[in-house]
Amino acid sequence: MDWTREELEGRFDLILLADVSYRGDAHEGLLRQLRRCLRPGGLALHADPLREESTRFLRLVQRDFVTATSRATITVDGEETMVRAACMAREESSLRQWLEAPWLAGGLLERPWQEGCTG
């Protein structure tokens, strides 16, 4: 999907974004999709390998969403790599509720979630 031109149909309780924010020219389109498609009370979960462009995107997201981040070292094909997960919600109460969900709080990345978005 071209985030800058196409419109995703529907509204969702959960949106998963994996390594989609690596190009700065897609950031506004991704943010527009999140604003439009994330239901009130919903959660967007963004994962990336700590790319600088993704850090810029996550800072941009903070204009409209409350965020919490976590990082973990994972092994892929025998090599360790750092991964960042960022949770985004419209309201702090919704974010806290999602972060208490067993599948997320129980160790999605097995690291504590931090308030705010860090690079």
PDB file of N, CA and C in Angstrom:
ATOM      1  N   MET A   1       0.847  -1.174   0.000  1.00  0.00           N
ATOM      2  CA  MET A   1       0.000   0.000   0.000  1.00  0.00           C
ATOM      3  C   MET A   1       0.892   1.236   0.000  1.00  0.00           C
ATOM      4  N   ASP A   2       0.528   2.217  -0.772  1.00  0.00           N
ATOM      5  CA  ASP A   2       1.225   3.500  -0.772  1.00  0.00           C
ATOM      6  C   ASP A   2       0.522   4.405   0.239  1.00  0.00           C
ATOM      7  N   TRP A   3       1.128   4.546   1.426  1.00  0.00           N
ATOM      8  CA  TRP A   3       0.518   5.296   2.525  1.00  0.00           C
ATOM      9  C   TRP A   3       0.269   6.751   2.163  1.00  0.00           C
ATOM     10  N   THR A   4       1.011   7.274   1.205  1.00  0.00           N
ATOM     11  CA  THR A   4       0.887   8.692   0.866  1.00  0.00           C
ATOM     12  C   THR A   4      -0.270   8.968  -0.088  1.00  0.00           C
ATOM     13  N   ARG A   5      -0.779   7.934  -0.763  1.00  0.00           N
ATOM     14  CA  ARG A   5      -1.824   8.160  -1.773  1.00  0.00           C
ATOM     15  C   ARG A   5      -3.127   7.420  -1.495  1.00  0.00           C
ATOM     16  N   GLU A   6      -3.032   6.211  -0.972  1.00  0.00           N
ATOM     17  CA  GLU A   6      -4.224   5.391  -0.786  1.00  0.00           C
ATOM     18  C   GLU A   6      -4.814   5.596   0.603  1.00  0.00           C
ATOM     19  N   GLU A   7      -6.083   5.288   0.727  1.00  0.00           N
ATOM     20  CA  GLU A   7      -6.781   5.370   2.011  1.00  0.00           C
ATOM     21  C   GLU A   7      -7.199   3.968   2.431  1.00  0.00           C
ATOM     22  N   LEU A   8      -6.792   3.577   3.596  1.00  0.00           N
ATOM     23  CA  LEU A   8      -7.214   2.302   4.148  1.00  0.00           C
ATOM     24  C   LEU A   8      -8.667   2.424   4.566  1.00  0.00           C
ATOM     25  N   GLU A   9      -9.481   1.470   4.210  1.00  0.00           N
ATOM     26  CA  GLU A   9     -10.898   1.493   4.551  1.00  0.00           C
ATOM     27  C   GLU A   9     -11.124   0.879   5.919  1.00  0.00           C
ATOM     28  N   GLY A  10     -11.975   1.484   6.706  1.00  0.00           N
ATOM     29  CA  GLY A  10     -12.360   0.936   7.992  1.00  0.00           C
ATOM     30  C   GLY A  10     -11.700   1.636   9.155  1.00  0.00           C
ATOM     31  N   ARG A  11     -12.191   1.280  10.343  1.00  0.00           N
ATOM     32  CA  ARG A  11     -11.632   1.768  11.605  1.00  0.00           C
ATOM     33  C   ARG A  11     -11.346   0.538  12.446  1.00  0.00           C
ATOM     34  N   PHE A  12     -10.243   0.568  13.185  1.00  0.00           N
ATOM     35  CA  PHE A  12      -9.752  -0.626  13.836  1.00  0.00           C
ATOM     36  C   PHE A  12      -9.410  -0.389  15.299  1.00  0.00           C
ATOM     37  N   ASP A  13      -9.583  -1.453  16.098  1.00  0.00           N
ATOM     38  CA  ASP A  13      -9.193  -1.414  17.506  1.00  0.00           C
ATOM     39  C   ASP A  13      -7.689  -1.594  17.666  1.00  0.00           C
ATOM     40  N   LEU A  14      -7.078  -2.329  16.757  1.00  0.00           N
ATOM     41  CA  LEU A  14      -5.658  -2.615  16.830  1.00  0.00           C
ATOM     42  C   LEU A  14      -5.041  -2.500  15.440  1.00  0.00           C
ATOM     43  N   ILE A  15      -3.990  -1.696  15.346  1.00  0.00           N
ATOM     44  CA  ILE A  15      -3.250  -1.529  14.090  1.00  0.00           C
ATOM     45  C   ILE A  15      -1.807  -1.918  14.361  1.00  0.00           C
ATOM     46  N   LEU A  16      -1.270  -2.836  13.564  1.00  0.00           N
ATOM     47  CA  LEU A  16       0.112  -3.281  13.701  1.00  0.00           C
ATOM     48  C   LEU A  16       0.933  -2.704  12.555  1.00  0.00           C
ATOM     49  N   LEU A  17       2.013  -2.022  12.893  1.00  0.00           N
ATOM     50  CA  LEU A  17       2.911  -1.421  11.912  1.00  0.00           C
ATOM     51  C   LEU A  17       4.304  -1.994  12.150  1.00  0.00           C
ATOM     52  N   ALA A  18       4.850  -2.690  11.174  1.00  0.00           N
ATOM     53  CA  ALA A  18       6.168  -3.291  11.339  1.00  0.00           C
ATOM     54  C   ALA A  18       7.112  -2.751  10.272  1.00  0.00           C
ATOM     55  N   ASP A  19       8.097  -1.981  10.724  1.00  0.00           N
ATOM     56  CA  ASP A  19       9.157  -1.480   9.859  1.00  0.00           C
ATOM     57  C   ASP A  19       8.602  -0.766   8.615  1.00  0.00           C
ATOM     58  N   VAL A  20       7.650   0.131   8.822  1.00  0.00           N
ATOM     59  CA  VAL A  20       7.040   0.869   7.706  1.00  0.00           C
ATOM     60  C   VAL A  20       7.398   2.349   7.702  1.00  0.00           C
ATOM     61  N   SER A  21       8.166   2.801   8.685  1.00  0.00           N
ATOM     62  CA  SER A  21       8.433   4.232   8.810  1.00  0.00           C
ATOM     63  C   SER A  21       9.874   4.594   8.460  1.00  0.00           C
ATOM     64  N   TYR A  22      10.502   3.816   7.612  1.00  0.00           N
ATOM     65  CA  TYR A  22      11.918   4.020   7.298  1.00  0.00           C
ATOM     66  C   TYR A  22      12.151   5.078   6.228  1.00  0.00           C
ATOM     67  N   ARG A  23      11.074   5.606   5.627  1.00  0.00           N
ATOM     68  CA  ARG A  23      11.196   6.678   4.629  1.00  0.00           C
ATOM     69  C   ARG A  23      10.434   7.898   5.123  1.00  0.00           C
ATOM     70  N   GLY A  24      11.124   9.006   5.250  1.00  0.00           N
ATOM     71  CA  GLY A  24      10.515  10.229   5.744  1.00  0.00           C
ATOM     72  C   GLY A  24       9.356  10.720   4.908  1.00  0.00           C
ATOM     73  N   ASP A  25       9.383  10.463   3.602  1.00  0.00           N
ATOM     74  CA  ASP A  25       8.292  10.953   2.755  1.00  0.00           C
ATOM     75  C   ASP A  25       6.983  10.194   2.976  1.00  0.00           C
ATOM     76  N   ALA A  26       7.010   9.123   3.744  1.00  0.00           N
ATOM     77  CA  ALA A  26       5.787   8.365   4.053  1.00  0.00           C
ATOM     78  C   ALA A  26       5.202   8.733   5.416  1.00  0.00           C
ATOM     79  N   HIS A  27       5.916   9.499   6.213  1.00  0.00           N
ATOM     80  CA  HIS A  27       5.491   9.771   7.589  1.00  0.00           C
ATOM     81  C   HIS A  27       4.133  10.455   7.684  1.00  0.00           C
ATOM     82  N   GLU A  28       3.921  11.510   6.922  1.00  0.00           N
ATOM     83  CA  GLU A  28       2.635  12.216   6.994  1.00  0.00           C
ATOM     84  C   GLU A  28       1.485  11.302   6.571  1.00  0.00           C
ATOM     85  N   GLY A  29       1.705  10.469   5.550  1.00  0.00           N
ATOM     86  CA  GLY A  29       0.675   9.533   5.109  1.00  0.00           C
ATOM     87  C   GLY A  29       0.360   8.491   6.168  1.00  0.00           C
ATOM     88  N   LEU A  30       1.391   7.967   6.811  1.00  0.00           N
ATOM     89  CA  LEU A  30       1.176   6.999   7.895  1.00  0.00           C
ATOM     90  C   LEU A  30       0.402   7.639   9.045  1.00  0.00           C
ATOM     91  N   LEU A  31       0.790   8.857   9.410  1.00  0.00           N
ATOM     92  CA  LEU A  31       0.104   9.548  10.494  1.00  0.00           C
ATOM     93  C   LEU A  31      -1.351   9.829  10.127  1.00  0.00           C
ATOM     94  N   ARG A  32      -1.591  10.224   8.897  1.00  0.00           N
ATOM     95  CA  ARG A  32      -2.963  10.458   8.432  1.00  0.00           C
ATOM     96  C   ARG A  32      -3.801   9.174   8.548  1.00  0.00           C
ATOM     97  N   GLN A  33      -3.209   8.047   8.153  1.00  0.00           N
ATOM     98  CA  GLN A  33      -3.921   6.768   8.252  1.00  0.00           C
ATOM     99  C   GLN A  33      -4.239   6.437   9.710  1.00  0.00           C
ATOM    100  N   LEU A  34      -3.281   6.653  10.600  1.00  0.00           N
ATOM    101  CA  LEU A  34      -3.520   6.375  12.017  1.00  0.00           C
ATOM    102  C   LEU A  34      -4.637   7.254  12.571  1.00  0.00           C
ATOM    103  N   ARG A  35      -4.599   8.539  12.251  1.00  0.00           N
ATOM    104  CA  ARG A  35      -5.647   9.446  12.733  1.00  0.00           C
ATOM    105  C   ARG A  35      -7.023   8.981  12.253  1.00  0.00           C
ATOM    106  N   ARG A  36      -7.088   8.555  11.029  1.00  0.00           N
ATOM    107  CA  ARG A  36      -8.362   8.195  10.398  1.00  0.00           C
ATOM    108  C   ARG A  36      -8.859   6.809  10.812  1.00  0.00           C
ATOM    109  N   CYS A  37      -7.947   5.862  10.972  1.00  0.00           N
ATOM    110  CA  CYS A  37      -8.354   4.461  11.096  1.00  0.00           C
ATOM    111  C   CYS A  37      -8.348   3.898  12.515  1.00  0.00           C
ATOM    112  N   LEU A  38      -7.682   4.561  13.451  1.00  0.00           N
ATOM    113  CA  LEU A  38      -7.641   4.019  14.805  1.00  0.00           C
ATOM    114  C   LEU A  38      -8.885   4.461  15.565  1.00  0.00           C
ATOM    115  N   ARG A  39      -9.655   3.484  15.985  1.00  0.00           N
ATOM    116  CA  ARG A  39     -10.875   3.782  16.754  1.00  0.00           C
ATOM    117  C   ARG A  39     -10.529   4.401  18.099  1.00  0.00           C
ATOM    118  N   PRO A  40     -11.450   5.205  18.650  1.00  0.00           N
ATOM    119  CA  PRO A  40     -11.254   5.665  20.029  1.00  0.00           C
ATOM    120  C   PRO A  40     -11.102   4.440  20.932  1.00  0.00           C
ATOM    121  N   GLY A  41     -10.136   4.486  21.819  1.00  0.00           N
ATOM    122  CA  GLY A  41      -9.860   3.350  22.692  1.00  0.00           C
ATOM    123  C   GLY A  41      -8.942   2.319  22.066  1.00  0.00           C
ATOM    124  N   GLY A  42      -8.578   2.519  20.794  1.00  0.00           N
ATOM    125  CA  GLY A  42      -7.733   1.563  20.088  1.00  0.00           C
ATOM    126  C   GLY A  42      -6.254   1.767  20.338  1.00  0.00           C
ATOM    127  N   LEU A  43      -5.461   0.838  19.803  1.00  0.00           N
ATOM    128  CA  LEU A  43      -4.017   0.866  19.972  1.00  0.00           C
ATOM    129  C   LEU A  43      -3.338   0.626  18.629  1.00  0.00           C
ATOM    130  N   ALA A  44      -2.291   1.390  18.372  1.00  0.00           N
ATOM    131  CA  ALA A  44      -1.402   1.112  17.244  1.00  0.00           C
ATOM    132  C   ALA A  44      -0.081   0.656  17.836  1.00  0.00           C
ATOM    133  N   LEU A  45       0.459  -0.420  17.309  1.00  0.00           N
ATOM    134  CA  LEU A  45       1.730  -0.960  17.762  1.00  0.00           C
ATOM    135  C   LEU A  45       2.703  -0.907  16.591  1.00  0.00           C
ATOM    136  N   HIS A  46       3.770  -0.161  16.768  1.00  0.00           N
ATOM    137  CA  HIS A  46       4.780   0.068  15.725  1.00  0.00           C
ATOM    138  C   HIS A  46       6.085  -0.602  16.147  1.00  0.00           C
ATOM    139  N   ALA A  47       6.669  -1.413  15.276  1.00  0.00           N
ATOM    140  CA  ALA A  47       7.945  -2.062  15.571  1.00  0.00           C
ATOM    141  C   ALA A  47       8.961  -1.691  14.501  1.00  0.00           C
ATOM    142  N   ASP A  48      10.216  -1.455  14.943  1.00  0.00           N
ATOM    143  CA  ASP A  48      11.280  -1.147  13.995  1.00  0.00           C
ATOM    144  C   ASP A  48      12.627  -1.473  14.638  1.00  0.00           C
ATOM    145  N   PRO A  49      13.677  -1.572  13.820  1.00  0.00           N
ATOM    146  CA  PRO A  49      15.009  -1.863  14.355  1.00  0.00           C
ATOM    147  C   PRO A  49      15.796  -0.592  14.703  1.00  0.00           C
ATOM    148  N   LEU A  50      15.133   0.335  15.367  1.00  0.00           N
ATOM    149  CA  LEU A  50      15.753   1.579  15.836  1.00  0.00           C
ATOM    150  C   LEU A  50      16.340   2.420  14.707  1.00  0.00           C
ATOM    151  N   ARG A  51      15.623   2.518  13.623  1.00  0.00           N
ATOM    152  CA  ARG A  51      16.076   3.371  12.523  1.00  0.00           C
ATOM    153  C   ARG A  51      15.872   4.847  12.884  1.00  0.00           C
ATOM    154  N   GLU A  52      16.788   5.686  12.435  1.00  0.00           N
ATOM    155  CA  GLU A  52      16.702   7.124  12.699  1.00  0.00           C
ATOM    156  C   GLU A  52      15.416   7.719  12.124  1.00  0.00           C
ATOM    157  N   GLU A  53      15.055   7.326  10.905  1.00  0.00           N
ATOM    158  CA  GLU A  53      13.823   7.841  10.294  1.00  0.00           C
ATOM    159  C   GLU A  53      12.591   7.419  11.097  1.00  0.00           C
ATOM    160  N   SER A  54      12.618   6.221  11.655  1.00  0.00           N
ATOM    161  CA  SER A  54      11.493   5.757  12.471  1.00  0.00           C
ATOM    162  C   SER A  54      11.401   6.562  13.758  1.00  0.00           C
ATOM    163  N   THR A  55      12.540   6.958  14.305  1.00  0.00           N
ATOM    164  CA  THR A  55      12.539   7.815  15.490  1.00  0.00           C
ATOM    165  C   THR A  55      11.863   9.140  15.159  1.00  0.00           C
ATOM    166  N   ARG A  56      12.156   9.689  14.000  1.00  0.00           N
ATOM    167  CA  ARG A  56      11.500  10.937  13.565  1.00  0.00           C
ATOM    168  C   ARG A  56       9.992  10.740  13.445  1.00  0.00           C
ATOM    169  N   PHE A  57       9.586   9.606  12.887  1.00  0.00           N
ATOM    170  CA  PHE A  57       8.153   9.321  12.761  1.00  0.00           C
ATOM    171  C   PHE A  57       7.491   9.249  14.139  1.00  0.00           C
ATOM    172  N   LEU A  58       8.125   8.570  15.075  1.00  0.00           N
ATOM    173  CA  LEU A  58       7.535   8.421  16.405  1.00  0.00           C
ATOM    174  C   LEU A  58       7.427   9.772  17.125  1.00  0.00           C
ATOM    175  N   ARG A  59       8.347  10.659  16.873  1.00  0.00           N
ATOM    176  CA  ARG A  59       8.225  12.015  17.431  1.00  0.00           C
ATOM    177  C   ARG A  59       7.052  12.753  16.799  1.00  0.00           C
ATOM    178  N   LEU A  60       6.867  12.575  15.518  1.00  0.00           N
ATOM    179  CA  LEU A  60       5.743  13.184  14.803  1.00  0.00           C
ATOM    180  C   LEU A  60       4.412  12.661  15.353  1.00  0.00           C
ATOM    181  N   VAL A  61       4.349  11.384  15.641  1.00  0.00           N
ATOM    182  CA  VAL A  61       3.139  10.748  16.166  1.00  0.00           C
ATOM    183  C   VAL A  61       2.693  11.394  17.476  1.00  0.00           C
ATOM    184  N   GLN A  62       3.656  11.860  18.255  1.00  0.00           N
ATOM    185  CA  GLN A  62       3.333  12.429  19.568  1.00  0.00           C
ATOM    186  C   GLN A  62       2.499  13.708  19.481  1.00  0.00           C
ATOM    187  N   ARG A  63       2.350  14.259  18.298  1.00  0.00           N
ATOM    188  CA  ARG A  63       1.454  15.422  18.143  1.00  0.00           C
ATOM    189  C   ARG A  63       0.003  15.034  18.405  1.00  0.00           C
ATOM    190  N   ASP A  64      -0.347  13.787  18.082  1.00  0.00           N
ATOM    191  CA  ASP A  64      -1.733  13.349  18.148  1.00  0.00           C
ATOM    192  C   ASP A  64      -1.995  12.175  19.082  1.00  0.00           C
ATOM    193  N   PHE A  65      -0.951  11.482  19.505  1.00  0.00           N
ATOM    194  CA  PHE A  65      -1.130  10.255  20.266  1.00  0.00           C
ATOM    195  C   PHE A  65      -0.234  10.240  21.499  1.00  0.00           C
ATOM    196  N   VAL A  66      -0.688   9.506  22.507  1.00  0.00           N
ATOM    197  CA  VAL A  66       0.114   9.213  23.686  1.00  0.00           C
ATOM    198  C   VAL A  66       0.904   7.956  23.348  1.00  0.00           C
ATOM    199  N   THR A  67       2.186   7.920  23.718  1.00  0.00           N
ATOM    200  CA  THR A  67       3.017   6.782  23.333  1.00  0.00           C
ATOM    201  C   THR A  67       3.750   6.179  24.529  1.00  0.00           C
ATOM    202  N   ALA A  68       4.115   4.934  24.366  1.00  0.00           N
ATOM    203  CA  ALA A  68       5.001   4.238  25.299  1.00  0.00           C
ATOM    204  C   ALA A  68       5.890   3.339  24.450  1.00  0.00           C
ATOM    205  N   THR A  69       7.154   3.214  24.835  1.00  0.00           N
ATOM    206  CA  THR A  69       8.090   2.420  24.042  1.00  0.00           C
ATOM    207  C   THR A  69       8.779   1.358  24.885  1.00  0.00           C
ATOM    208  N   SER A  70       9.272   0.351  24.188  1.00  0.00           N
ATOM    209  CA  SER A  70      10.053  -0.708  24.800  1.00  0.00           C
ATOM    210  C   SER A  70      11.089  -1.149  23.784  1.00  0.00           C
ATOM    211  N   ARG A  71      12.219  -1.626  24.282  1.00  0.00           N
ATOM    212  CA  ARG A  71      13.275  -2.135  23.405  1.00  0.00           C
ATOM    213  C   ARG A  71      13.716  -3.507  23.896  1.00  0.00           C
ATOM    214  N   ALA A  72      14.172  -4.307  22.957  1.00  0.00           N
ATOM    215  CA  ALA A  72      14.690  -5.625  23.323  1.00  0.00           C
ATOM    216  C   ALA A  72      15.698  -6.062  22.282  1.00  0.00           C
ATOM    217  N   THR A  73      16.620  -6.885  22.707  1.00  0.00           N
ATOM    218  CA  THR A  73      17.549  -7.510  21.782  1.00  0.00           C
ATOM    219  C   THR A  73      16.958  -8.864  21.418  1.00  0.00           C
ATOM    220  N   ILE A  74      16.838  -9.108  20.120  1.00  0.00           N
ATOM    221  CA  ILE A  74      16.315 -10.386  19.647  1.00  0.00           C
ATOM    222  C   ILE A  74      17.355 -11.035  18.740  1.00  0.00           C
ATOM    223  N   THR A  75      17.204 -12.325  18.495  1.00  0.00           N
ATOM    224  CA  THR A  75      18.109 -13.042  17.613  1.00  0.00           C
ATOM    225  C   THR A  75      17.361 -13.436  16.344  1.00  0.00           C
ATOM    226  N   VAL A  76      17.906 -13.026  15.211  1.00  0.00           N
ATOM    227  CA  VAL A  76      17.335 -13.349  13.905  1.00  0.00           C
ATOM    228  C   VAL A  76      18.437 -13.989  13.070  1.00  0.00           C
ATOM    229  N   ASP A  77      18.196 -15.194  12.609  1.00  0.00           N
ATOM    230  CA  ASP A  77      19.194 -15.928  11.814  1.00  0.00           C
ATOM    231  C   ASP A  77      20.551 -15.958  12.499  1.00  0.00           C
ATOM    232  N   GLY A  78      20.536 -16.162  13.821  1.00  0.00           N
ATOM    233  CA  GLY A  78      21.773 -16.279  14.578  1.00  0.00           C
ATOM    234  C   GLY A  78      22.453 -14.966  14.928  1.00  0.00           C
ATOM    235  N   GLU A  79      21.872 -13.841  14.508  1.00  0.00           N
ATOM    236  CA  GLU A  79      22.468 -12.544  14.812  1.00  0.00           C
ATOM    237  C   GLU A  79      21.553 -11.745  15.719  1.00  0.00           C
ATOM    238  N   GLU A  80      22.165 -11.098  16.708  1.00  0.00           N
ATOM    239  CA  GLU A  80      21.387 -10.270  17.623  1.00  0.00           C
ATOM    240  C   GLU A  80      21.127  -8.899  17.007  1.00  0.00           C
ATOM    241  N   THR A  81      19.922  -8.399  17.228  1.00  0.00           N
ATOM    242  CA  THR A  81      19.559  -7.062  16.769  1.00  0.00           C
ATOM    243  C   THR A  81      18.623  -6.423  17.790  1.00  0.00           C
ATOM    244  N   MET A  82      18.689  -5.120  17.876  1.00  0.00           N
ATOM    245  CA  MET A  82      17.822  -4.380  18.793  1.00  0.00           C
ATOM    246  C   MET A  82      16.523  -4.026  18.057  1.00  0.00           C
ATOM    247  N   VAL A  83      15.404  -4.207  18.747  1.00  0.00           N
ATOM    248  CA  VAL A  83      14.093  -3.881  18.193  1.00  0.00           C
ATOM    249  C   VAL A  83      13.377  -2.951  19.164  1.00  0.00           C
ATOM    250  N   ARG A  84      12.698  -1.962  18.625  1.00  0.00           N
ATOM    251  CA  ARG A  84      11.897  -1.041  19.428  1.00  0.00           C
ATOM    252  C   ARG A  84      10.428  -1.278  19.089  1.00  0.00           C
ATOM    253  N   ALA A  85       9.608  -1.316  20.107  1.00  0.00           N
ATOM    254  CA  ALA A  85       8.155  -1.365  19.921  1.00  0.00           C
ATOM    255  C   ALA A  85       7.590  -0.101  20.550  1.00  0.00           C
ATOM    256  N   ALA A  86       6.699   0.550  19.831  1.00  0.00           N
ATOM    257  CA  ALA A  86       6.051   1.755  20.337  1.00  0.00           C
ATOM    258  C   ALA A  86       4.544   1.551  20.277  1.00  0.00           C
ATOM    259  N   CYS A  87       3.883   1.774  21.388  1.00  0.00           N
ATOM    260  CA  CYS A  87       2.425   1.707  21.456  1.00  0.00           C
ATOM    261  C   CYS A  87       1.878   3.119  21.403  1.00  0.00           C
ATOM    262  N   MET A  88       0.796   3.302  20.638  1.00  0.00           N
ATOM    263  CA  MET A  88       0.188   4.614  20.455  1.00  0.00           C
ATOM    264  C   MET A  88      -1.306   4.527  20.656  1.00  0.00           C
ATOM    265  N   ALA A  89      -1.850   5.457  21.420  1.00  0.00           N
ATOM    266  CA  ALA A  89      -3.294   5.536  21.622  1.00  0.00           C
ATOM    267  C   ALA A  89      -3.685   7.010  21.681  1.00  0.00           C
ATOM    268  N   ARG A  90      -4.959   7.270  21.478  1.00  0.00           N
ATOM    269  CA  ARG A  90      -5.426   8.654  21.507  1.00  0.00           C
ATOM    270  C   ARG A  90      -5.448   9.225  22.924  1.00  0.00           C
ATOM    271  N   GLU A  91      -5.779   8.380  23.893  1.00  0.00           N
ATOM    272  CA  GLU A  91      -5.895   8.842  25.279  1.00  0.00           C
ATOM    273  C   GLU A  91      -4.968   8.031  26.169  1.00  0.00           C
ATOM    274  N   GLU A  92      -4.459   8.677  27.204  1.00  0.00           N
ATOM    275  CA  GLU A  92      -3.574   8.003  28.147  1.00  0.00           C
ATOM    276  C   GLU A  92      -4.269   6.829  28.822  1.00  0.00           C
ATOM    277  N   SER A  93      -5.544   6.989  29.162  1.00  0.00           N
ATOM    278  CA  SER A  93      -6.262   5.892  29.827  1.00  0.00           C
ATOM    279  C   SER A  93      -6.354   4.658  28.923  1.00  0.00           C
ATOM    280  N   SER A  94      -6.566   4.871  27.631  1.00  0.00           N
ATOM    281  CA  SER A  94      -6.609   3.741  26.691  1.00  0.00           C
ATOM    282  C   SER A  94      -5.257   3.065  26.582  1.00  0.00           C
ATOM    283  N   LEU A  95      -4.203   3.877  26.519  1.00  0.00           N
ATOM    284  CA  LEU A  95      -2.865   3.305  26.426  1.00  0.00           C
ATOM    285  C   LEU A  95      -2.563   2.458  27.648  1.00  0.00           C
ATOM    286  N   ARG A  96      -2.864   2.974  28.825  1.00  0.00           N
ATOM    287  CA  ARG A  96      -2.607   2.216  30.054  1.00  0.00           C
ATOM    288  C   ARG A  96      -3.396   0.911  30.079  1.00  0.00           C
ATOM    289  N   GLN A  97      -4.635   0.955  29.627  1.00  0.00           N
ATOM    290  CA  GLN A  97      -5.453  -0.256  29.596  1.00  0.00           C
ATOM    291  C   GLN A  97      -4.829  -1.301  28.664  1.00  0.00           C
ATOM    292  N   TRP A  98      -4.382  -0.891  27.492  1.00  0.00           N
ATOM    293  CA  TRP A  98      -3.751  -1.815  26.561  1.00  0.00           C
ATOM    294  C   TRP A  98      -2.457  -2.378  27.141  1.00  0.00           C
ATOM    295  N   LEU A  99      -1.667  -1.518  27.800  1.00  0.00           N
ATOM    296  CA  LEU A  99      -0.385  -1.974  28.335  1.00  0.00           C
ATOM    297  C   LEU A  99      -0.562  -2.993  29.455  1.00  0.00           C
ATOM    298  N   GLU A 100      -1.736  -3.040  30.041  1.00  0.00           N
ATOM    299  CA  GLU A 100      -2.028  -4.039  31.077  1.00  0.00           C
ATOM    300  C   GLU A 100      -2.558  -5.346  30.500  1.00  0.00           C
ATOM    301  N   ALA A 101      -2.833  -5.382  29.207  1.00  0.00           N
ATOM    302  CA  ALA A 101      -3.330  -6.605  28.575  1.00  0.00           C
ATOM    303  C   ALA A 101      -2.270  -7.704  28.706  1.00  0.00           C
ATOM    304  N   PRO A 102      -2.662  -8.921  29.088  1.00  0.00           N
ATOM    305  CA  PRO A 102      -1.687  -9.993  29.320  1.00  0.00           C
ATOM    306  C   PRO A 102      -0.751 -10.261  28.141  1.00  0.00           C
ATOM    307  N   TRP A 103      -1.250 -10.211  26.922  1.00  0.00           N
ATOM    308  CA  TRP A 103      -0.395 -10.506  25.776  1.00  0.00           C
ATOM    309  C   TRP A 103       0.648  -9.427  25.548  1.00  0.00           C
ATOM    310  N   LEU A 104       0.389  -8.206  26.027  1.00  0.00           N
ATOM    311  CA  LEU A 104       1.344  -7.124  25.851  1.00  0.00           C
ATOM    312  C   LEU A 104       2.190  -6.946  27.107  1.00  0.00           C
ATOM    313  N   ALA A 105       1.541  -6.859  28.253  1.00  0.00           N
ATOM    314  CA  ALA A 105       2.256  -6.669  29.517  1.00  0.00           C
ATOM    315  C   ALA A 105       3.030  -7.925  29.889  1.00  0.00           C
ATOM    316  N   GLY A 106       2.562  -9.064  29.412  1.00  0.00           N
ATOM    317  CA  GLY A 106       3.190 -10.331  29.757  1.00  0.00           C
ATOM    318  C   GLY A 106       4.474 -10.605  29.029  1.00  0.00           C
ATOM    319  N   GLY A 107       5.008  -9.620  28.331  1.00  0.00           N
ATOM    320  CA  GLY A 107       6.333  -9.793  27.774  1.00  0.00           C
ATOM    321  C   GLY A 107       6.405  -9.808  26.265  1.00  0.00           C
ATOM    322  N   LEU A 108       5.640  -8.953  25.602  1.00  0.00           N
ATOM    323  CA  LEU A 108       5.767  -8.870  24.153  1.00  0.00           C
ATOM    324  C   LEU A 108       7.234  -8.722  23.781  1.00  0.00           C
ATOM    325  N   LEU A 109       7.912  -7.841  24.473  1.00  0.00           N
ATOM    326  CA  LEU A 109       9.351  -7.702  24.293  1.00  0.00           C
ATOM    327  C   LEU A 109      10.107  -7.946  25.591  1.00  0.00           C
ATOM    328  N   GLU A 110       9.382  -8.350  26.618  1.00  0.00           N
ATOM    329  CA  GLU A 110       9.957  -8.662  27.920  1.00  0.00           C
ATOM    330  C   GLU A 110      10.810  -7.526  28.473  1.00  0.00           C
ATOM    331  N   ARG A 111      10.343  -6.315  28.266  1.00  0.00           N
ATOM    332  CA  ARG A 111      10.991  -5.127  28.796  1.00  0.00           C
ATOM    333  C   ARG A 111       9.902  -4.200  29.328  1.00  0.00           C
ATOM    334  N   PRO A 112      10.232  -3.385  30.326  1.00  0.00           N
ATOM    335  CA  PRO A 112       9.230  -2.429  30.797  1.00  0.00           C
ATOM    336  C   PRO A 112       8.943  -1.375  29.732  1.00  0.00           C
ATOM    337  N   TRP A 113       7.716  -0.946  29.685  1.00  0.00           N
ATOM    338  CA  TRP A 113       7.313   0.111  28.766  1.00  0.00           C
ATOM    339  C   TRP A 113       7.666   1.446  29.385  1.00  0.00           C
ATOM    340  N   GLN A 114       8.179   2.329  28.583  1.00  0.00           N
ATOM    341  CA  GLN A 114       8.569   3.655  29.032  1.00  0.00           C
ATOM    342  C   GLN A 114       7.560   4.669  28.525  1.00  0.00           C
ATOM    343  N   GLU A 115       7.232   5.640  29.377  1.00  0.00           N
ATOM    344  CA  GLU A 115       6.354   6.727  28.952  1.00  0.00           C
ATOM    345  C   GLU A 115       7.123   7.605  27.975  1.00  0.00           C
ATOM    346  N   GLY A 116       6.449   8.093  26.976  1.00  0.00           N
ATOM    347  CA  GLY A 116       7.073   8.970  26.002  1.00  0.00           C
ATOM    348  C   GLY A 116       7.882   8.188  24.987  1.00  0.00           C
ATOM    349  N   CYS A 117       8.248   8.857  23.941  1.00  0.00           N
ATOM    350  CA  CYS A 117       8.969   8.216  22.835  1.00  0.00           C
ATOM    351  C   CYS A 117      10.419   8.648  22.868  1.00  0.00           C
ATOM    352  N   THR A 118      11.305   7.697  22.915  1.00  0.00           N
ATOM    353  CA  THR A 118      12.726   8.008  22.922  1.00  0.00           C
ATOM    354  C   THR A 118      13.393   7.407  21.697  1.00  0.00           C
ATOM    355  N   GLY A 119      14.478   7.977  21.303  1.00  0.00           N
ATOM    356  CA  GLY A 119      15.186   7.533  20.100  1.00  0.00           C
ATOM    357  C   GLY A 119      16.223   6.500  20.349  1.00  0.00           C
TER     358      GLY A 119
END
